[in-house]
């Protein structure tokens, strides 16, 4: 759970789209796969913004993938590991 005081400032997408506070929500195609490190945090942030992002199964969590590969779960440590 994210703290109520957490503020969303920006989001970037690999296809070059960029969102900053005050912009209209990013739209994702229904079959688009979303990838994030610690995806549950990203999902909560998007939900806090009121974005409709769909079901959890469309997400790929690189933190979980790292742990599955017996690598560190933190982004910094996983990047150094791989």
C-alpha atoms as a PDB file:
ATOM      1  CA  UNK A   1       0.000   0.000   0.000  1.00  0.00           C
ATOM      2  CA  UNK A   2       1.309   3.428  -0.884  1.00  0.00           C
ATOM      3  CA  UNK A   3       1.107   6.297   1.564  1.00  0.00           C
ATOM      4  CA  UNK A   4      -1.778   8.735   1.066  1.00  0.00           C
ATOM      5  CA  UNK A   5       0.817  11.504   0.790  1.00  0.00           C
ATOM      6  CA  UNK A   6       2.454   9.863  -2.257  1.00  0.00           C
ATOM      7  CA  UNK A   7       2.268  12.151  -5.296  1.00  0.00           C
ATOM      8  CA  UNK A   8       2.547  10.937  -8.882  1.00  0.00           C
ATOM      9  CA  UNK A   9       4.764  13.206 -10.930  1.00  0.00           C
ATOM     10  CA  UNK A  10       5.467  11.451 -14.210  1.00  0.00           C
ATOM     11  CA  UNK A  11       5.327   8.199 -16.151  1.00  0.00           C
ATOM     12  CA  UNK A  12       7.207   7.113 -19.258  1.00  0.00           C
ATOM     13  CA  UNK A  13       6.377   4.386 -21.748  1.00  0.00           C
ATOM     14  CA  UNK A  14       8.876   2.533 -23.935  1.00  0.00           C
ATOM     15  CA  UNK A  15       7.129   3.745 -27.103  1.00  0.00           C
ATOM     16  CA  UNK A  16       8.072   7.326 -26.217  1.00  0.00           C
ATOM     17  CA  UNK A  17       4.853   8.460 -24.567  1.00  0.00           C
ATOM     18  CA  UNK A  18       5.348  10.557 -21.465  1.00  0.00           C
ATOM     19  CA  UNK A  19       2.870  11.699 -18.827  1.00  0.00           C
ATOM     20  CA  UNK A  20       3.258  14.447 -16.245  1.00  0.00           C
ATOM     21  CA  UNK A  21       0.856  15.652 -13.589  1.00  0.00           C
ATOM     22  CA  UNK A  22      -2.003  17.594 -15.175  1.00  0.00           C
ATOM     23  CA  UNK A  23      -1.882  15.702 -18.497  1.00  0.00           C
ATOM     24  CA  UNK A  24      -4.786  13.468 -19.540  1.00  0.00           C
ATOM     25  CA  UNK A  25      -4.317   9.788 -18.602  1.00  0.00           C
ATOM     26  CA  UNK A  26      -2.195   7.571 -20.802  1.00  0.00           C
ATOM     27  CA  UNK A  27      -4.261   5.043 -22.715  1.00  0.00           C
ATOM     28  CA  UNK A  28      -3.160   1.463 -23.191  1.00  0.00           C
ATOM     29  CA  UNK A  29      -4.448  -1.005 -25.774  1.00  0.00           C
ATOM     30  CA  UNK A  30      -6.445  -3.873 -24.221  1.00  0.00           C
ATOM     31  CA  UNK A  31      -3.816  -6.434 -25.271  1.00  0.00           C
ATOM     32  CA  UNK A  32      -0.809  -4.278 -24.360  1.00  0.00           C
ATOM     33  CA  UNK A  33       1.585  -5.862 -21.852  1.00  0.00           C
ATOM     34  CA  UNK A  34       2.720  -3.515 -19.086  1.00  0.00           C
ATOM     35  CA  UNK A  35       6.134  -4.008 -17.474  1.00  0.00           C
ATOM     36  CA  UNK A  36       7.410  -2.468 -14.260  1.00  0.00           C
ATOM     37  CA  UNK A  37       9.861  -3.209 -11.499  1.00  0.00           C
ATOM     38  CA  UNK A  38       7.638  -3.885  -8.469  1.00  0.00           C
ATOM     39  CA  UNK A  39       4.475  -3.717 -10.566  1.00  0.00           C
ATOM     40  CA  UNK A  40       2.120  -3.683  -7.578  1.00  0.00           C
ATOM     41  CA  UNK A  41       3.436  -0.213  -6.683  1.00  0.00           C
ATOM     42  CA  UNK A  42       2.878   1.047 -10.230  1.00  0.00           C
ATOM     43  CA  UNK A  43      -0.630  -0.417 -10.252  1.00  0.00           C
ATOM     44  CA  UNK A  44      -1.469   1.385  -7.000  1.00  0.00           C
ATOM     45  CA  UNK A  45      -0.076   4.654  -8.364  1.00  0.00           C
ATOM     46  CA  UNK A  46      -2.136   4.363 -11.543  1.00  0.00           C
ATOM     47  CA  UNK A  47      -5.247   3.482  -9.554  1.00  0.00           C
ATOM     48  CA  UNK A  48      -4.661   6.489  -7.292  1.00  0.00           C
ATOM     49  CA  UNK A  49      -4.710   8.625 -10.438  1.00  0.00           C
ATOM     50  CA  UNK A  50      -8.001   7.002 -11.451  1.00  0.00           C
ATOM     51  CA  UNK A  51      -6.515   5.351 -14.538  1.00  0.00           C
ATOM     52  CA  UNK A  52      -8.183   2.250 -15.908  1.00  0.00           C
ATOM     53  CA  UNK A  53      -5.307  -0.188 -16.425  1.00  0.00           C
ATOM     54  CA  UNK A  54      -7.110  -3.502 -16.421  1.00  0.00           C
ATOM     55  CA  UNK A  55      -6.264  -6.798 -14.852  1.00  0.00           C
ATOM     56  CA  UNK A  56      -3.056  -7.729 -13.060  1.00  0.00           C
ATOM     57  CA  UNK A  57      -2.356 -10.555 -15.528  1.00  0.00           C
ATOM     58  CA  UNK A  58      -1.382  -8.036 -18.216  1.00  0.00           C
ATOM     59  CA  UNK A  59       1.551  -6.875 -16.064  1.00  0.00           C
ATOM     60  CA  UNK A  60       5.076  -8.281 -16.043  1.00  0.00           C
ATOM     61  CA  UNK A  61       6.970  -7.575 -12.836  1.00  0.00           C
ATOM     62  CA  UNK A  62      10.737  -7.463 -13.323  1.00  0.00           C
ATOM     63  CA  UNK A  63      11.314  -7.574  -9.536  1.00  0.00           C
ATOM     64  CA  UNK A  64       9.482 -10.907  -9.401  1.00  0.00           C
ATOM     65  CA  UNK A  65      11.374 -12.100 -12.475  1.00  0.00           C
ATOM     66  CA  UNK A  66      14.670 -11.196 -10.782  1.00  0.00           C
ATOM     67  CA  UNK A  67      13.761 -13.098  -7.648  1.00  0.00           C
ATOM     68  CA  UNK A  68      12.624 -16.087  -9.719  1.00  0.00           C
ATOM     69  CA  UNK A  69      16.084 -16.123 -11.313  1.00  0.00           C
ATOM     70  CA  UNK A  70      17.683 -16.065  -7.833  1.00  0.00           C
ATOM     71  CA  UNK A  71      18.870 -12.510  -8.487  1.00  0.00           C
ATOM     72  CA  UNK A  72      18.416  -9.548  -6.154  1.00  0.00           C
ATOM     73  CA  UNK A  73      14.932  -8.042  -6.093  1.00  0.00           C
ATOM     74  CA  UNK A  74      15.941  -4.396  -5.793  1.00  0.00           C
ATOM     75  CA  UNK A  75      16.217  -2.532  -9.091  1.00  0.00           C
ATOM     76  CA  UNK A  76      19.714  -1.226  -8.381  1.00  0.00           C
ATOM     77  CA  UNK A  77      21.103  -4.612  -7.322  1.00  0.00           C
ATOM     78  CA  UNK A  78      19.318  -6.503 -10.111  1.00  0.00           C
ATOM     79  CA  UNK A  79      20.744  -4.109 -12.716  1.00  0.00           C
ATOM     80  CA  UNK A  80      24.256  -4.735 -11.414  1.00  0.00           C
ATOM     81  CA  UNK A  81      23.639  -8.487 -11.250  1.00  0.00           C
ATOM     82  CA  UNK A  82      22.415  -8.803 -14.838  1.00  0.00           C
END
